[in-house]
Amino acid sequence: MCGGVYYSAQGQDVRVYFPNPKAMLPVRTRNGGTELLAWGRRHDQAGELPLGGWARLDAIYSGRWDRWFPVPVKLPVKSFMEKDFEGHSHWYDLTRGQWIQGLVARSRHERRIYVVTVEPELADAVHERWPRIMSG
């Protein structure tokens, strides 16, 4: 489900994991810049937005995210981390021109970023969910 990411922001390389309550993800802005937003919401964090750090693509299409005014965004990361069924971490690099699709959700003055996930295409995939990787 993309439990960690590696990216560059403001001249610094950053490696962050979702369990960190201060985790931020880079979001590509319309003018080509980057903005950092809080990655999801944890049980001990105040707010009204959904718990967790991920948004299933099928749930987005079915309208379950509509009440949070979802906006699709590009997450310009260099690599992401997934854990296999045995709990071992694996890092996957993105190539030039690829990004992970994110969803910005908002409720009143609260805005958070969620990683959009899909089911893996391979039948023998070692991960239950996979970030939606886009290119273009």
Protein backbone atom coordinates (compact mmCIF):
# COMPACT_ATOMS: atom_id res chain seq x y z
CA MET A 1 0.00 0.00 0.00
CA CYS A 2 2.98 2.33 -0.24
CA GLY A 3 4.13 2.56 3.36
CA GLY A 4 7.04 4.88 2.64
CA VAL A 5 8.36 7.24 -0.02
CA TYR A 6 11.63 8.86 -1.03
CA TYR A 7 11.58 12.30 -2.64
CA SER A 8 13.47 15.59 -2.94
CA ALA A 9 12.04 18.87 -1.69
CA GLN A 10 13.71 22.23 -1.18
CA GLY A 11 17.11 20.75 -2.02
CA GLN A 12 16.79 17.97 0.57
CA ASP A 13 16.32 14.23 0.04
CA VAL A 14 13.53 12.95 2.27
CA ARG A 15 12.60 9.39 3.23
CA VAL A 16 9.33 9.24 5.16
CA TYR A 17 7.04 6.45 6.37
CA PHE A 18 3.28 6.66 6.91
CA PRO A 19 3.34 5.75 10.64
CA ASN A 20 5.20 9.02 11.32
CA PRO A 21 2.47 11.50 12.37
CA LYS A 22 4.50 14.33 10.79
CA ALA A 23 4.74 12.56 7.41
CA MET A 24 4.32 14.90 4.45
CA LEU A 25 4.14 14.11 0.73
CA PRO A 26 5.12 16.34 -2.18
CA VAL A 27 2.28 17.48 -4.43
CA ARG A 28 2.95 18.98 -7.88
CA THR A 29 1.24 22.38 -8.13
CA ARG A 30 -0.33 23.85 -11.26
CA ASN A 31 2.62 26.21 -11.78
CA GLY A 32 5.08 23.29 -11.74
CA GLY A 33 6.25 23.80 -8.17
CA THR A 34 5.88 21.46 -5.23
CA GLU A 35 3.80 21.79 -2.06
CA LEU A 36 4.10 19.50 0.97
CA LEU A 37 0.85 18.22 2.48
CA ALA A 38 0.13 16.03 5.50
CA TRP A 39 -0.05 12.36 4.47
CA GLY A 40 -3.40 10.97 5.61
CA ARG A 41 -4.70 10.83 9.17
CA ARG A 42 -3.86 8.50 12.06
CA HIS A 43 -6.12 7.37 14.92
CA ASP A 44 -4.58 9.81 17.40
CA GLN A 45 -4.84 12.82 15.07
CA ALA A 46 -7.73 15.24 15.25
CA GLY A 47 -9.78 15.94 12.16
CA GLU A 48 -12.72 14.83 10.06
CA LEU A 49 -10.94 13.37 7.04
CA PRO A 50 -10.69 9.58 6.65
CA LEU A 51 -8.25 7.56 8.73
CA GLY A 52 -5.34 6.02 6.85
CA GLY A 53 -3.13 7.26 4.07
CA TRP A 54 -4.65 5.61 1.01
CA ALA A 55 -7.67 5.96 -1.26
CA ARG A 56 -8.79 2.95 -3.30
CA LEU A 57 -9.44 3.86 -6.93
CA ASP A 58 -12.68 1.87 -6.99
CA ALA A 59 -13.90 3.80 -3.91
CA ILE A 60 -13.11 7.09 -5.64
CA TYR A 61 -15.02 6.04 -8.77
CA SER A 62 -18.00 4.87 -6.70
CA GLY A 63 -18.29 8.29 -5.04
CA ARG A 64 -17.23 7.36 -1.50
CA TRP A 65 -14.71 10.24 -1.45
CA ASP A 66 -17.07 12.86 -2.89
CA ARG A 67 -17.94 14.40 0.50
CA TRP A 68 -14.27 15.44 0.88
CA PHE A 69 -14.09 17.24 -2.50
CA PRO A 70 -11.31 15.02 -3.92
CA VAL A 71 -8.77 16.52 -6.30
CA PRO A 72 -6.40 14.23 -8.24
CA VAL A 73 -2.75 15.29 -8.02
CA LYS A 74 0.70 14.11 -9.02
CA LEU A 75 3.11 12.94 -6.31
CA PRO A 76 6.64 13.45 -7.67
CA VAL A 77 8.52 10.79 -5.70
CA LYS A 78 11.72 8.96 -6.62
CA SER A 79 10.75 5.63 -5.06
CA PHE A 80 8.22 4.01 -2.75
CA MET A 81 8.26 1.19 -0.24
CA GLU A 82 5.90 -1.77 -0.04
CA LYS A 83 5.88 -4.65 2.41
CA ASP A 84 5.30 -8.17 1.13
CA PHE A 85 2.97 -10.68 2.79
CA GLU A 86 5.78 -11.72 5.15
CA GLY A 87 6.39 -8.13 6.27
CA HIS A 88 9.66 -7.56 4.38
CA SER A 89 10.19 -4.09 2.92
CA HIS A 90 10.93 -3.61 -0.78
CA TRP A 91 11.76 -0.29 -2.46
CA TYR A 92 10.62 0.40 -6.05
CA ASP A 93 12.09 3.19 -8.16
CA LEU A 94 10.01 5.32 -10.48
CA THR A 95 11.50 6.21 -13.84
CA ARG A 96 11.70 9.68 -15.36
CA GLY A 97 8.21 10.87 -16.33
CA GLN A 98 6.40 8.65 -13.81
CA TRP A 99 4.57 9.74 -10.68
CA ILE A 100 2.18 8.29 -8.11
CA GLN A 101 -1.40 9.52 -8.26
CA GLY A 102 -2.57 11.21 -5.11
CA LEU A 103 -5.88 12.57 -3.90
CA VAL A 104 -6.18 15.81 -1.95
CA ALA A 105 -9.18 15.70 0.39
CA ARG A 106 -10.51 18.64 2.37
CA SER A 107 -12.98 19.34 5.12
CA ARG A 108 -13.36 22.93 6.30
CA HIS A 109 -9.78 24.07 7.04
CA GLU A 110 -8.27 20.56 6.93
CA ARG A 111 -6.42 19.31 3.82
CA ARG A 112 -4.58 16.01 3.55
CA ILE A 113 -3.05 13.90 0.80
CA TYR A 114 -3.87 10.22 0.22
CA VAL A 115 -2.06 7.78 -2.08
CA VAL A 116 -4.44 6.33 -4.69
CA THR A 117 -4.18 2.52 -4.77
CA VAL A 118 -5.24 -0.19 -7.20
CA GLU A 119 -5.23 -3.98 -7.17
CA PRO A 120 -2.02 -5.42 -8.63
CA GLU A 121 -2.33 -6.58 -12.24
CA LEU A 122 -0.28 -9.75 -11.75
CA ALA A 123 -2.10 -12.72 -10.27
CA ASP A 124 0.96 -13.79 -8.27
CA ALA A 125 1.71 -10.29 -6.89
CA VAL A 126 3.23 -10.24 -3.42
CA HIS A 127 1.32 -7.07 -2.46
CA GLU A 128 -2.39 -6.68 -1.77
CA ARG A 129 -2.59 -3.06 -2.95
CA TRP A 130 -0.32 -1.03 -5.22
CA PRO A 131 0.02 2.74 -5.70
CA ARG A 132 -1.44 3.97 -8.97
CA ILE A 133 1.62 4.81 -11.06
CA MET A 134 1.03 7.21 -13.93
CA SER A 135 3.22 8.59 -16.68
CA GLY A 136 3.10 11.11 -19.44
